[in-house]
Protein backbone atom coordinates (compact mmCIF):
# COMPACT_ATOMS: atom_id res chain seq x y z
CA MET A 1 72.61 -57.21 61.26
CA LYS A 2 73.58 -54.81 58.48
CA LYS A 3 70.95 -56.42 56.25
CA VAL A 4 68.29 -55.87 58.93
CA LEU A 5 69.28 -52.20 59.28
CA LEU A 6 69.28 -51.77 55.52
CA LEU A 7 65.84 -53.34 55.21
CA SER A 8 64.42 -51.18 58.02
CA THR A 9 65.87 -48.07 56.38
CA LEU A 10 64.35 -48.96 53.01
CA PHE A 11 61.01 -49.73 54.65
CA SER A 12 60.97 -46.36 56.44
CA LEU A 13 61.82 -44.54 53.17
CA ALA A 14 59.03 -46.37 51.40
CA LEU A 15 56.56 -45.38 54.11
CA THR A 16 57.72 -41.77 53.96
CA LEU A 17 57.36 -41.65 50.16
CA SER A 18 53.93 -43.28 50.23
CA TYR A 19 52.73 -40.87 52.94
CA SER A 20 53.96 -37.82 51.01
CA ALA A 21 52.30 -39.11 47.83
CA PHE A 22 49.07 -39.70 49.69
CA ALA A 23 49.24 -36.21 51.21
CA GLN A 24 49.89 -34.70 47.78
CA GLU A 25 46.90 -36.55 46.33
CA GLU A 26 44.67 -35.28 49.12
CA THR A 27 45.94 -31.74 48.57
CA ASP A 28 45.32 -31.98 44.82
CA SER A 29 41.84 -33.40 45.32
CA ALA A 30 41.00 -30.69 47.84
CA THR A 31 42.26 -28.05 45.43
CA MET A 32 40.22 -29.54 42.58
CA GLU A 33 37.12 -29.71 44.75
CA GLN A 34 37.62 -26.12 45.81
CA THR A 35 38.11 -25.04 42.18
CA SER A 36 34.99 -26.92 41.06
CA ASP A 37 33.00 -25.43 43.93
CA THR A 38 34.20 -21.96 42.97
CA ALA A 39 33.30 -22.51 39.28
CA ALA A 40 29.87 -23.82 40.26
CA MET A 41 29.26 -20.80 42.46
CA GLU A 42 30.36 -18.44 39.67
CA GLN A 43 28.08 -20.23 37.22
CA GLU A 44 25.16 -19.96 39.61
CA ILE A 45 25.88 -16.24 40.10
CA ASP A 46 26.04 -15.68 36.31
CA SER A 47 22.81 -17.59 35.70
CA ALA A 48 21.08 -15.63 38.47
CA ALA A 49 22.29 -12.36 36.96
CA ALA A 50 21.16 -13.44 33.49
CA MET A 51 17.76 -14.36 34.87
CA GLU A 52 17.53 -11.00 36.59
CA GLU A 53 18.44 -9.24 33.33
CA ALA A 54 16.04 -11.34 31.27
CA ALA A 55 13.18 -10.89 33.70
CA PRO A 56 12.59 -7.18 32.88
CA GLU A 57 12.86 -7.88 29.14
CA GLU A 58 10.32 -10.70 29.40
CA ALA A 59 8.07 -8.46 31.45
CA VAL A 60 8.33 -5.71 28.82
CA GLU A 61 7.59 -8.18 26.03
CA GLU A 62 4.57 -9.48 27.92
CA VAL A 63 3.32 -5.92 28.41
CA VAL A 64 3.81 -5.10 24.72
CA GLN A 65 2.04 -8.28 23.66
CA ALA A 66 -0.79 -7.53 26.05
CA GLU A 67 -1.10 -3.99 24.63
CA VAL A 68 -1.11 -5.32 21.06
CA ALA A 69 -3.73 -7.89 21.98
CA GLU A 70 -5.86 -5.28 23.71
CA ASP A 71 -5.47 -2.53 21.06
CA PRO A 72 -4.91 -4.01 17.55
CA SER A 73 -3.99 -1.63 14.76
CA PHE A 74 -6.32 -0.61 11.94
CA GLN A 75 -4.41 -2.74 9.44
CA GLN A 76 -4.73 -5.81 11.66
CA ILE A 77 -8.46 -5.24 12.00
CA ILE A 78 -8.91 -4.90 8.22
CA LYS A 79 -6.80 -8.00 7.61
CA THR A 80 -8.75 -10.03 10.16
CA LYS A 81 -12.13 -8.98 8.80
CA PHE A 82 -10.99 -9.60 5.23
CA ILE A 83 -9.98 -13.16 6.11
CA GLU A 84 -13.22 -13.73 8.01
CA GLY A 85 -15.23 -12.60 4.98
CA GLY A 86 -13.89 -15.43 2.84
CA PRO A 87 -11.50 -15.31 -0.11
CA GLU A 88 -14.11 -15.90 -2.81
CA PHE A 89 -16.07 -12.65 -2.94
CA MET A 90 -13.65 -10.61 -0.86
CA GLY A 91 -10.95 -11.31 -3.43
CA ILE A 92 -13.24 -10.21 -6.28
CA VAL A 93 -14.10 -7.00 -4.44
CA LEU A 94 -10.39 -6.37 -3.85
CA ILE A 95 -9.68 -6.84 -7.58
CA ALA A 96 -12.41 -4.32 -8.38
CA LEU A 97 -10.78 -1.83 -6.00
CA ILE A 98 -7.31 -2.33 -7.53
CA LEU A 99 -8.52 -1.96 -11.12
CA GLY A 100 -10.68 1.03 -10.27
CA LEU A 101 -7.85 2.80 -8.46
CA ALA A 102 -5.48 2.08 -11.36
CA LEU A 103 -7.89 3.73 -13.80
CA CYS A 104 -8.42 6.68 -11.46
CA ILE A 105 -4.69 7.28 -11.03
CA GLU A 106 -4.13 7.09 -14.80
CA ARG A 107 -6.91 9.60 -15.47
CA ILE A 108 -5.71 11.99 -12.77
CA ILE A 109 -2.16 11.98 -14.18
CA TYR A 110 -3.44 12.48 -17.74
CA LEU A 111 -5.76 15.33 -16.78
CA ASN A 112 -3.08 17.11 -14.77
CA MET A 113 -0.74 16.89 -17.75
CA ALA A 114 -3.52 18.18 -20.02
CA THR A 115 -3.98 21.31 -17.91
CA THR A 116 -2.21 24.32 -19.44
CA ASN A 117 -2.02 28.05 -18.90
CA ASN A 118 -4.38 29.19 -21.64
CA ALA A 119 -3.81 32.89 -21.06
CA LYS A 120 -0.06 32.49 -21.55
CA LEU A 121 -0.62 30.33 -24.64
CA LEU A 122 -2.91 32.94 -26.20
CA GLY A 123 -0.35 35.66 -25.46
CA ASP A 124 2.41 33.63 -27.13
CA ILE A 125 0.22 32.98 -30.18
CA ASP A 126 -0.66 36.68 -30.38
CA GLY A 127 3.02 37.61 -30.34
CA ALA A 128 3.88 34.93 -32.88
CA LEU A 129 1.11 36.10 -35.25
CA SER A 130 2.39 39.65 -34.98
CA SER A 131 6.03 38.73 -35.58
CA GLY A 132 6.08 35.60 -37.73
CA GLY A 133 2.57 34.95 -38.95
CA VAL A 134 0.58 31.73 -38.88
CA GLU A 135 3.59 29.42 -39.16
CA ALA A 136 5.19 30.93 -36.08
CA ALA A 137 1.89 30.54 -34.20
CA LYS A 138 1.67 26.89 -35.29
CA GLU A 139 5.20 26.34 -34.03
CA VAL A 140 4.17 27.70 -30.64
CA CYS A 141 1.27 25.23 -30.54
CA ARG A 142 3.54 22.34 -31.51
CA ASN A 143 5.88 23.12 -28.63
CA THR A 144 3.02 23.25 -26.07
CA ARG A 145 1.42 20.12 -24.67
CA GLY A 146 -2.24 19.69 -23.89
CA PRO A 147 -5.54 19.50 -25.76
CA VAL A 148 -5.95 23.28 -26.04
CA ALA A 149 -2.71 23.62 -27.97
CA SER A 150 -3.76 20.76 -30.27
CA ILE A 151 -7.10 22.45 -30.99
CA PHE A 152 -5.33 25.73 -31.69
CA TYR A 153 -2.97 24.00 -34.11
CA GLN A 154 -5.86 22.43 -36.04
CA GLY A 155 -7.57 25.81 -36.29
CA LEU A 156 -4.41 27.61 -37.44
CA ASP A 157 -3.78 24.86 -39.99
CA ARG A 158 -7.08 25.79 -41.69
CA MET A 159 -6.36 29.50 -41.65
CA GLU A 160 -5.90 29.69 -45.40
CA GLU A 161 -9.43 28.30 -45.95
CA GLY A 162 -11.09 31.12 -44.05
CA LEU A 163 -12.25 31.86 -40.54
CA GLU A 164 -15.44 29.87 -40.97
CA MET A 165 -13.44 26.74 -41.68
CA VAL A 166 -11.23 27.56 -38.67
CA GLU A 167 -14.30 27.61 -36.41
CA LYS A 168 -15.58 24.30 -37.80
CA SER A 169 -12.17 22.71 -37.36
CA ILE A 170 -11.94 23.92 -33.75
CA ILE A 171 -15.40 22.55 -32.94
CA ALA A 172 -14.73 19.18 -34.58
CA TYR A 173 -11.32 18.66 -33.04
CA GLY A 174 -12.60 19.92 -29.69
CA SER A 175 -15.05 17.00 -29.64
CA VAL A 176 -12.17 14.61 -30.29
CA GLN A 177 -10.16 16.05 -27.41
CA MET A 178 -13.19 15.88 -25.13
CA GLY A 179 -13.50 12.18 -25.91
CA ASN A 180 -9.84 11.70 -25.00
CA LEU A 181 -10.40 13.44 -21.68
CA GLU A 182 -13.41 11.27 -20.84
CA ARG A 183 -11.75 8.00 -21.90
CA GLY A 184 -11.85 5.32 -19.19
CA ILE A 185 -14.34 7.14 -16.96
CA SER A 186 -17.11 4.69 -17.87
CA TRP A 187 -14.97 1.82 -16.56
CA ILE A 188 -14.56 3.60 -13.25
CA SER A 189 -18.34 3.97 -12.95
CA LEU A 190 -18.65 0.26 -13.77
CA PHE A 191 -16.44 -0.72 -10.83
CA ILE A 192 -18.34 1.69 -8.58
CA ALA A 193 -21.58 -0.14 -9.39
CA LEU A 194 -19.98 -3.59 -9.45
CA ALA A 195 -18.30 -3.52 -6.02
CA PRO A 196 -21.47 -3.27 -3.86
CA MET A 197 -23.27 -5.73 -6.14
CA LEU A 198 -20.53 -8.28 -5.54
CA GLY A 199 -20.79 -7.55 -1.82
CA PHE A 200 -24.53 -8.12 -1.82
CA MET A 201 -24.09 -11.35 -3.76
CA GLY A 202 -21.55 -12.53 -1.20
CA THR A 203 -24.00 -11.67 1.57
CA VAL A 204 -26.82 -13.63 -0.03
CA ILE A 205 -24.60 -16.65 -0.62
CA GLY A 206 -23.28 -16.41 2.94
CA MET A 207 -26.84 -16.33 4.31
CA ILE A 208 -27.68 -19.41 2.29
CA GLY A 209 -24.63 -21.13 3.78
CA ALA A 210 -25.69 -20.09 7.29
CA PHE A 211 -29.17 -21.57 6.82
CA ASP A 212 -27.63 -24.74 5.41
CA ALA A 213 -25.50 -25.01 8.56
CA ILE A 214 -28.60 -24.54 10.72
CA GLU A 215 -30.41 -27.22 8.76
CA ALA A 216 -27.48 -29.62 9.11
CA ALA A 217 -27.19 -28.96 12.85
CA GLY A 218 -30.92 -29.41 13.38
CA ASP A 219 -30.94 -26.66 15.97
CA ILE A 220 -31.07 -22.86 15.83
CA SER A 221 -28.01 -21.95 17.84
CA PRO A 222 -27.50 -18.20 18.39
CA SER A 223 -23.74 -18.52 17.93
CA LEU A 224 -24.19 -20.45 14.68
CA VAL A 225 -26.67 -17.94 13.25
CA ALA A 226 -24.67 -14.89 14.37
CA GLY A 227 -21.41 -16.27 12.98
CA GLY A 228 -22.92 -17.00 9.57
CA ILE A 229 -24.62 -13.63 9.32
CA LYS A 230 -21.45 -11.81 10.41
CA VAL A 231 -19.35 -13.45 7.70
CA ALA A 232 -22.07 -12.77 5.13
CA LEU A 233 -22.35 -9.07 5.94
CA LEU A 234 -18.58 -8.47 5.75
CA THR A 235 -18.66 -8.73 1.96
CA THR A 236 -21.33 -6.03 1.81
CA VAL A 237 -19.30 -3.74 4.05
CA PHE A 238 -16.16 -4.10 1.94
CA GLY A 239 -18.14 -3.65 -1.28
CA LEU A 240 -19.60 -0.39 0.01
CA ILE A 241 -16.17 0.82 1.16
CA VAL A 242 -14.73 0.17 -2.32
CA ALA A 243 -17.65 1.98 -3.96
CA ILE A 244 -17.22 5.01 -1.67
CA ILE A 245 -13.48 5.25 -2.38
CA LEU A 246 -13.93 5.00 -6.15
CA GLN A 247 -16.87 7.42 -6.09
CA ILE A 248 -14.70 10.13 -4.52
CA PHE A 249 -12.06 9.74 -7.23
CA TYR A 250 -14.76 9.60 -9.92
CA ASN A 251 -16.31 12.89 -8.83
CA TYR A 252 -12.88 14.56 -8.79
CA ILE A 253 -12.12 13.30 -12.31
CA VAL A 254 -15.47 14.43 -13.69
CA ALA A 255 -15.02 17.88 -12.15
CA LYS A 256 -11.50 18.07 -13.61
CA VAL A 257 -12.78 17.12 -17.09
CA ASP A 258 -15.55 19.75 -16.90
CA SER A 259 -13.01 22.39 -15.90
CA ILE A 260 -10.69 21.54 -18.81
CA VAL A 261 -13.59 21.47 -21.29
CA ASN A 262 -14.81 24.89 -20.15
CA SER A 263 -11.31 26.33 -20.46
CA MET A 264 -11.03 24.78 -23.94
CA GLU A 265 -14.25 26.46 -25.05
CA ASP A 266 -13.23 29.85 -23.66
CA ALA A 267 -9.78 29.60 -25.22
CA SER A 268 -11.24 28.60 -28.59
CA ILE A 269 -13.49 31.65 -28.62
CA SER A 270 -10.51 33.82 -27.69
CA LEU A 271 -8.45 32.29 -30.52
CA VAL A 272 -11.15 33.04 -33.10
CA ASP A 273 -11.34 36.65 -31.87
CA LEU A 274 -7.57 36.88 -32.07
CA LEU A 275 -7.55 35.61 -35.65
CA TYR A 276 -10.24 38.11 -36.62
CA LYS A 277 -8.10 40.89 -35.18
CA HIS A 278 -4.97 39.87 -37.07
CA LYS A 279 -6.87 39.31 -40.32
CA LYS A 280 -7.98 42.91 -40.32
C-alpha cells in the first residue's frame, strides 16, 4: 500500500512538473512572438519613415534633372556640338585656337612690360645730364626697362661721336626694337586665316561623307541628309569662332604696338632736343 501511495505521489509530481514546464514554454514562445512582432512593426515604421524622407529628395533630384535636361548650360552645348563635329578637324581647329591664344597672351604681356612713362624718363635723364653728365644719364637708362630706355642708351653711348651719330644710332636701334615688338604677330595672323580654312575643309569633307551615305543607302532620306550637313557645318562654325576670337586679340596687339612705336619716335625726338640743349 505504501508503494502504491509513493508511486501515485511521484506520478502527480511528474505531472505537475511537466505542466509547469509546458506552461513556461508557452509563455516564452508567446513572449518571443510578441517581441518579434514588435520588432517587425518597428522595422516597418522605420522603412516607411525612410521612404517618406527619401521621397522628397528623389522628387527634388528628378526636378533638377528635368531642369538640366530642359535648360543645358553653355559649356554643355559647346561640348556636345564639338563632339558632334568630329574629332578630326575639330581637334585641329582647337589646336589652332590654343596656339593662337598662347601667342596673343605672350605678346600682350611683353607689350605691357615694354610700356614706360617716357615723360618721367626724359625728366630723369635731364636731371642726370645736369648733375652727372652722360654717364649718369646712361645709368638711368640701364636701370629702366623697355625699348625706349634701350634706344636712349644707344644714343647716349654715341654722344662722343657727335649729335649726328646719335640720331643715326637712335634710328637704327629703333628699327631693331620695332622688330622685337612685332615679333610673333605674323603667326597670329596665320592662325586667324588657318582656322576658318580648316573649318571649310571639314565642311567639304563632311558633305562628301554625307553624299557617300546617301549613295550607300540608295535613298535620299531627309534625316540622313540633314544629319550629314549639320555635322559638316559645325566645323565651319567653330573655325569662324576661333578666327573672330584671335582677330580681336590681333587688333589689340597691333594697336598697342603702334602706340609704343609712336611714343618711341616722340621720345627720341625729345632726347635729341635735350642733348642739343645740354651741348650748348
